[in-house]
């Protein structure tokens, strides 16, 4: 709704009914309704134990993934690879046979647990990092082919769940 209305929009009238809502402005009628049925139990998707935890500056990671994705956009659905080991250097990479290869190292704040090599969609990861807005983040991994979560280390209000992509 916020993206539909212009910045200098007039007042918006909100009409609430039983299972629906209507937002009315001068040039826009925006209607929404509750979905029927039960919402899936997402608590089962969020892992409770982690094999690897990486703490890193979210803005630096976002910028590195953005640069690596420049080559990846042409190939295989914008896939970026991520490697973490017991050192504090993280590797973000992508490869395009026609264009070349990108490998970038970023310094992590902390890395604990097992070595990890994982691939993911750069678009989804960048969207998740933008939602956390440049804060230091903790990324909790349960394995190379298992979903992982991103959280701000300062706040528990945002939790992002990302699914990996099989490439190795």
C-alpha atoms as a PDB file:
ATOM      1  CA  UNK A   1       0.000   0.000   0.000  1.00  0.00           C
ATOM      2  CA  UNK A   2       2.801   2.370   0.909  1.00  0.00           C
ATOM      3  CA  UNK A   3       4.421   1.862  -2.501  1.00  0.00           C
ATOM      4  CA  UNK A   4       1.176   2.436  -4.414  1.00  0.00           C
ATOM      5  CA  UNK A   5       0.296   5.805  -2.918  1.00  0.00           C
ATOM      6  CA  UNK A   6       2.272   8.878  -3.993  1.00  0.00           C
ATOM      7  CA  UNK A   7       4.364  10.670  -1.352  1.00  0.00           C
ATOM      8  CA  UNK A   8       2.061  13.687  -1.368  1.00  0.00           C
ATOM      9  CA  UNK A   9      -1.122  11.606  -1.140  1.00  0.00           C
ATOM     10  CA  UNK A  10      -4.301  12.906   0.485  1.00  0.00           C
ATOM     11  CA  UNK A  11      -5.830  11.253   3.504  1.00  0.00           C
ATOM     12  CA  UNK A  12      -6.630   7.555   3.234  1.00  0.00           C
ATOM     13  CA  UNK A  13      -9.981   6.290   4.460  1.00  0.00           C
ATOM     14  CA  UNK A  14      -9.908   2.780   5.948  1.00  0.00           C
ATOM     15  CA  UNK A  15     -13.075   0.671   5.893  1.00  0.00           C
ATOM     16  CA  UNK A  16     -12.920  -2.553   7.911  1.00  0.00           C
ATOM     17  CA  UNK A  17     -15.389  -5.396   7.422  1.00  0.00           C
ATOM     18  CA  UNK A  18     -15.569  -8.913   8.863  1.00  0.00           C
ATOM     19  CA  UNK A  19     -12.716 -10.574   6.908  1.00  0.00           C
ATOM     20  CA  UNK A  20     -11.656  -7.712   4.669  1.00  0.00           C
ATOM     21  CA  UNK A  21     -10.363  -4.166   4.567  1.00  0.00           C
ATOM     22  CA  UNK A  22     -10.647  -1.363   2.010  1.00  0.00           C
ATOM     23  CA  UNK A  23      -8.235   1.579   1.735  1.00  0.00           C
ATOM     24  CA  UNK A  24      -9.689   4.541  -0.179  1.00  0.00           C
ATOM     25  CA  UNK A  25      -7.855   7.599  -1.405  1.00  0.00           C
ATOM     26  CA  UNK A  26      -8.753  10.016  -4.174  1.00  0.00           C
ATOM     27  CA  UNK A  27      -7.397   7.844  -7.038  1.00  0.00           C
ATOM     28  CA  UNK A  28      -6.847   4.449  -5.397  1.00  0.00           C
ATOM     29  CA  UNK A  29      -9.130   1.769  -4.010  1.00  0.00           C
ATOM     30  CA  UNK A  30      -7.087  -0.993  -2.386  1.00  0.00           C
ATOM     31  CA  UNK A  31      -8.970  -4.068  -1.207  1.00  0.00           C
ATOM     32  CA  UNK A  32      -7.566  -6.928   0.863  1.00  0.00           C
ATOM     33  CA  UNK A  33      -9.069  -9.940   2.602  1.00  0.00           C
ATOM     34  CA  UNK A  34      -7.925 -12.592   5.020  1.00  0.00           C
ATOM     35  CA  UNK A  35      -7.008 -15.918   3.489  1.00  0.00           C
ATOM     36  CA  UNK A  36      -9.216 -18.794   4.505  1.00  0.00           C
ATOM     37  CA  UNK A  37      -7.798 -21.795   6.336  1.00  0.00           C
ATOM     38  CA  UNK A  38      -4.987 -22.158   8.819  1.00  0.00           C
ATOM     39  CA  UNK A  39      -1.612 -20.549   8.345  1.00  0.00           C
ATOM     40  CA  UNK A  40       1.167 -23.178   8.070  1.00  0.00           C
ATOM     41  CA  UNK A  41       3.123 -23.903  11.246  1.00  0.00           C
ATOM     42  CA  UNK A  42       6.360 -22.086  10.464  1.00  0.00           C
ATOM     43  CA  UNK A  43       7.985 -22.897  13.798  1.00  0.00           C
ATOM     44  CA  UNK A  44       9.004 -26.291  12.387  1.00  0.00           C
ATOM     45  CA  UNK A  45      10.968 -24.556   9.611  1.00  0.00           C
ATOM     46  CA  UNK A  46      13.149 -22.530  11.961  1.00  0.00           C
ATOM     47  CA  UNK A  47      16.095 -24.605  13.196  1.00  0.00           C
ATOM     48  CA  UNK A  48      16.841 -24.648  16.918  1.00  0.00           C
ATOM     49  CA  UNK A  49      20.385 -26.072  16.738  1.00  0.00           C
ATOM     50  CA  UNK A  50      23.195 -24.797  14.541  1.00  0.00           C
ATOM     51  CA  UNK A  51      26.411 -26.318  13.229  1.00  0.00           C
ATOM     52  CA  UNK A  52      27.970 -23.006  12.167  1.00  0.00           C
ATOM     53  CA  UNK A  53      27.323 -19.424  13.264  1.00  0.00           C
ATOM     54  CA  UNK A  54      28.801 -16.442  11.443  1.00  0.00           C
ATOM     55  CA  UNK A  55      28.616 -12.902  12.808  1.00  0.00           C
ATOM     56  CA  UNK A  56      29.323 -10.250  10.196  1.00  0.00           C
ATOM     57  CA  UNK A  57      28.481  -6.660   9.284  1.00  0.00           C
ATOM     58  CA  UNK A  58      25.280  -6.855   7.225  1.00  0.00           C
ATOM     59  CA  UNK A  59      26.130  -3.903   4.998  1.00  0.00           C
ATOM     60  CA  UNK A  60      29.542  -5.329   4.035  1.00  0.00           C
ATOM     61  CA  UNK A  61      27.991  -8.721   3.270  1.00  0.00           C
ATOM     62  CA  UNK A  62      25.208  -7.112   1.226  1.00  0.00           C
ATOM     63  CA  UNK A  63      27.718  -5.134  -0.846  1.00  0.00           C
ATOM     64  CA  UNK A  64      29.898  -8.210  -1.451  1.00  0.00           C
ATOM     65  CA  UNK A  65      26.910 -10.315  -2.533  1.00  0.00           C
ATOM     66  CA  UNK A  66      25.687  -7.488  -4.759  1.00  0.00           C
ATOM     67  CA  UNK A  67      29.063  -7.306  -6.519  1.00  0.00           C
ATOM     68  CA  UNK A  68      29.305 -11.093  -6.869  1.00  0.00           C
ATOM     69  CA  UNK A  69      25.782 -11.240  -8.269  1.00  0.00           C
ATOM     70  CA  UNK A  70      26.712  -8.940 -11.157  1.00  0.00           C
ATOM     71  CA  UNK A  71      28.304 -11.933 -12.892  1.00  0.00           C
ATOM     72  CA  UNK A  72      25.803 -14.437 -11.556  1.00  0.00           C
ATOM     73  CA  UNK A  73      22.789 -12.670 -13.079  1.00  0.00           C
ATOM     74  CA  UNK A  74      23.523 -14.185 -16.442  1.00  0.00           C
ATOM     75  CA  UNK A  75      23.858 -17.752 -15.210  1.00  0.00           C
ATOM     76  CA  UNK A  76      21.901 -20.209 -13.105  1.00  0.00           C
ATOM     77  CA  UNK A  77      19.300 -17.985 -11.485  1.00  0.00           C
ATOM     78  CA  UNK A  78      21.705 -15.541  -9.819  1.00  0.00           C
ATOM     79  CA  UNK A  79      23.441 -18.050  -7.527  1.00  0.00           C
ATOM     80  CA  UNK A  80      26.234 -16.923  -5.201  1.00  0.00           C
ATOM     81  CA  UNK A  81      28.525 -19.211  -3.169  1.00  0.00           C
ATOM     82  CA  UNK A  82      29.526 -18.583   0.432  1.00  0.00           C
ATOM     83  CA  UNK A  83      32.428 -20.214   2.273  1.00  0.00           C
ATOM     84  CA  UNK A  84      33.271 -19.903   5.972  1.00  0.00           C
ATOM     85  CA  UNK A  85      35.938 -21.748   7.928  1.00  0.00           C
ATOM     86  CA  UNK A  86      37.513 -21.409  11.350  1.00  0.00           C
ATOM     87  CA  UNK A  87      39.314 -18.216  10.306  1.00  0.00           C
ATOM     88  CA  UNK A  88      37.571 -14.863  10.297  1.00  0.00           C
ATOM     89  CA  UNK A  89      37.618 -14.416   6.525  1.00  0.00           C
ATOM     90  CA  UNK A  90      34.450 -15.238   4.583  1.00  0.00           C
ATOM     91  CA  UNK A  91      34.521 -15.870   0.853  1.00  0.00           C
ATOM     92  CA  UNK A  92      31.674 -14.751  -1.408  1.00  0.00           C
ATOM     93  CA  UNK A  93      31.997 -15.896  -5.019  1.00  0.00           C
ATOM     94  CA  UNK A  94      30.206 -16.439  -8.293  1.00  0.00           C
ATOM     95  CA  UNK A  95      31.234 -17.758 -11.660  1.00  0.00           C
ATOM     96  CA  UNK A  96      30.055 -17.152 -15.203  1.00  0.00           C
ATOM     97  CA  UNK A  97      31.881 -19.155 -17.913  1.00  0.00           C
ATOM     98  CA  UNK A  98      31.493 -16.386 -20.522  1.00  0.00           C
ATOM     99  CA  UNK A  99      32.345 -13.453 -18.274  1.00  0.00           C
ATOM    100  CA  UNK A 100      34.636 -14.649 -15.497  1.00  0.00           C
ATOM    101  CA  UNK A 101      34.807 -15.371 -11.810  1.00  0.00           C
ATOM    102  CA  UNK A 102      34.403 -13.166  -8.735  1.00  0.00           C
ATOM    103  CA  UNK A 103      35.894 -14.042  -5.366  1.00  0.00           C
ATOM    104  CA  UNK A 104      35.674 -11.549  -2.548  1.00  0.00           C
ATOM    105  CA  UNK A 105      36.876 -11.881   1.030  1.00  0.00           C
ATOM    106  CA  UNK A 106      35.107 -10.175   3.918  1.00  0.00           C
ATOM    107  CA  UNK A 107      36.249 -10.119   7.515  1.00  0.00           C
ATOM    108  CA  UNK A 108      33.738 -11.655   9.908  1.00  0.00           C
ATOM    109  CA  UNK A 109      33.268 -10.488  13.460  1.00  0.00           C
ATOM    110  CA  UNK A 110      33.143 -14.126  14.582  1.00  0.00           C
ATOM    111  CA  UNK A 111      32.868 -17.633  13.089  1.00  0.00           C
ATOM    112  CA  UNK A 112      32.071 -20.622  15.298  1.00  0.00           C
ATOM    113  CA  UNK A 113      31.401 -24.243  14.433  1.00  0.00           C
ATOM    114  CA  UNK A 114      32.110 -26.368  11.387  1.00  0.00           C
ATOM    115  CA  UNK A 115      33.520 -25.219   8.040  1.00  0.00           C
ATOM    116  CA  UNK A 116      30.727 -24.411   5.624  1.00  0.00           C
ATOM    117  CA  UNK A 117      30.301 -24.157   1.858  1.00  0.00           C
ATOM    118  CA  UNK A 118      26.805 -23.134   0.731  1.00  0.00           C
ATOM    119  CA  UNK A 119      25.111 -21.603  -2.321  1.00  0.00           C
ATOM    120  CA  UNK A 120      22.019 -19.406  -2.338  1.00  0.00           C
ATOM    121  CA  UNK A 121      20.016 -17.002  -4.453  1.00  0.00           C
ATOM    122  CA  UNK A 122      21.711 -13.606  -4.344  1.00  0.00           C
ATOM    123  CA  UNK A 123      18.353 -11.863  -4.776  1.00  0.00           C
ATOM    124  CA  UNK A 124      16.737 -13.513  -1.747  1.00  0.00           C
ATOM    125  CA  UNK A 125      19.809 -12.996   0.419  1.00  0.00           C
ATOM    126  CA  UNK A 126      20.098  -9.322  -0.564  1.00  0.00           C
ATOM    127  CA  UNK A 127      16.392  -8.765   0.174  1.00  0.00           C
ATOM    128  CA  UNK A 128      16.863 -10.344   3.615  1.00  0.00           C
ATOM    129  CA  UNK A 129      19.950  -8.230   4.340  1.00  0.00           C
ATOM    130  CA  UNK A 130      18.167  -5.040   3.243  1.00  0.00           C
ATOM    131  CA  UNK A 131      15.344  -5.806   5.691  1.00  0.00           C
ATOM    132  CA  UNK A 132      17.885  -5.998   8.511  1.00  0.00           C
ATOM    133  CA  UNK A 133      19.254  -2.643   7.293  1.00  0.00           C
ATOM    134  CA  UNK A 134      23.021  -2.722   7.624  1.00  0.00           C
ATOM    135  CA  UNK A 135      23.287  -3.865  11.224  1.00  0.00           C
ATOM    136  CA  UNK A 136      25.664  -6.549  12.417  1.00  0.00           C
ATOM    137  CA  UNK A 137      23.982  -9.896  11.832  1.00  0.00           C
ATOM    138  CA  UNK A 138      24.281 -13.481  12.963  1.00  0.00           C
ATOM    139  CA  UNK A 139      23.794 -16.168  10.323  1.00  0.00           C
ATOM    140  CA  UNK A 140      22.986 -19.583  11.759  1.00  0.00           C
ATOM    141  CA  UNK A 141      23.641 -22.607   9.515  1.00  0.00           C
ATOM    142  CA  UNK A 142      22.538 -26.192  10.150  1.00  0.00           C
ATOM    143  CA  UNK A 143      24.284 -27.657   7.095  1.00  0.00           C
ATOM    144  CA  UNK A 144      25.075 -27.062   3.434  1.00  0.00           C
ATOM    145  CA  UNK A 145      21.651 -28.158   2.174  1.00  0.00           C
ATOM    146  CA  UNK A 146      19.485 -27.020   5.093  1.00  0.00           C
ATOM    147  CA  UNK A 147      17.670 -23.677   5.486  1.00  0.00           C
ATOM    148  CA  UNK A 148      19.608 -21.040   7.411  1.00  0.00           C
ATOM    149  CA  UNK A 149      18.493 -17.998   9.352  1.00  0.00           C
ATOM    150  CA  UNK A 150      19.673 -14.400   9.566  1.00  0.00           C
ATOM    151  CA  UNK A 151      19.051 -12.236  12.621  1.00  0.00           C
ATOM    152  CA  UNK A 152      20.231  -8.861  13.790  1.00  0.00           C
ATOM    153  CA  UNK A 153      22.509  -9.230  16.795  1.00  0.00           C
ATOM    154  CA  UNK A 154      20.865  -6.126  18.298  1.00  0.00           C
ATOM    155  CA  UNK A 155      17.215  -7.127  17.931  1.00  0.00           C
ATOM    156  CA  UNK A 156      15.073 -10.258  17.747  1.00  0.00           C
ATOM    157  CA  UNK A 157      12.296  -8.461  15.859  1.00  0.00           C
ATOM    158  CA  UNK A 158      13.469  -9.643  12.400  1.00  0.00           C
ATOM    159  CA  UNK A 159      14.284 -13.220  11.460  1.00  0.00           C
ATOM    160  CA  UNK A 160      14.941 -14.188   7.835  1.00  0.00           C
ATOM    161  CA  UNK A 161      14.852 -17.811   6.615  1.00  0.00           C
ATOM    162  CA  UNK A 162      16.819 -18.561   3.413  1.00  0.00           C
ATOM    163  CA  UNK A 163      16.847 -21.819   1.468  1.00  0.00           C
ATOM    164  CA  UNK A 164      20.143 -22.914  -0.082  1.00  0.00           C
ATOM    165  CA  UNK A 165      20.616 -24.011  -3.691  1.00  0.00           C
ATOM    166  CA  UNK A 166      22.398 -27.236  -4.667  1.00  0.00           C
ATOM    167  CA  UNK A 167      25.520 -26.481  -6.750  1.00  0.00           C
ATOM    168  CA  UNK A 168      28.382 -28.467  -5.208  1.00  0.00           C
END
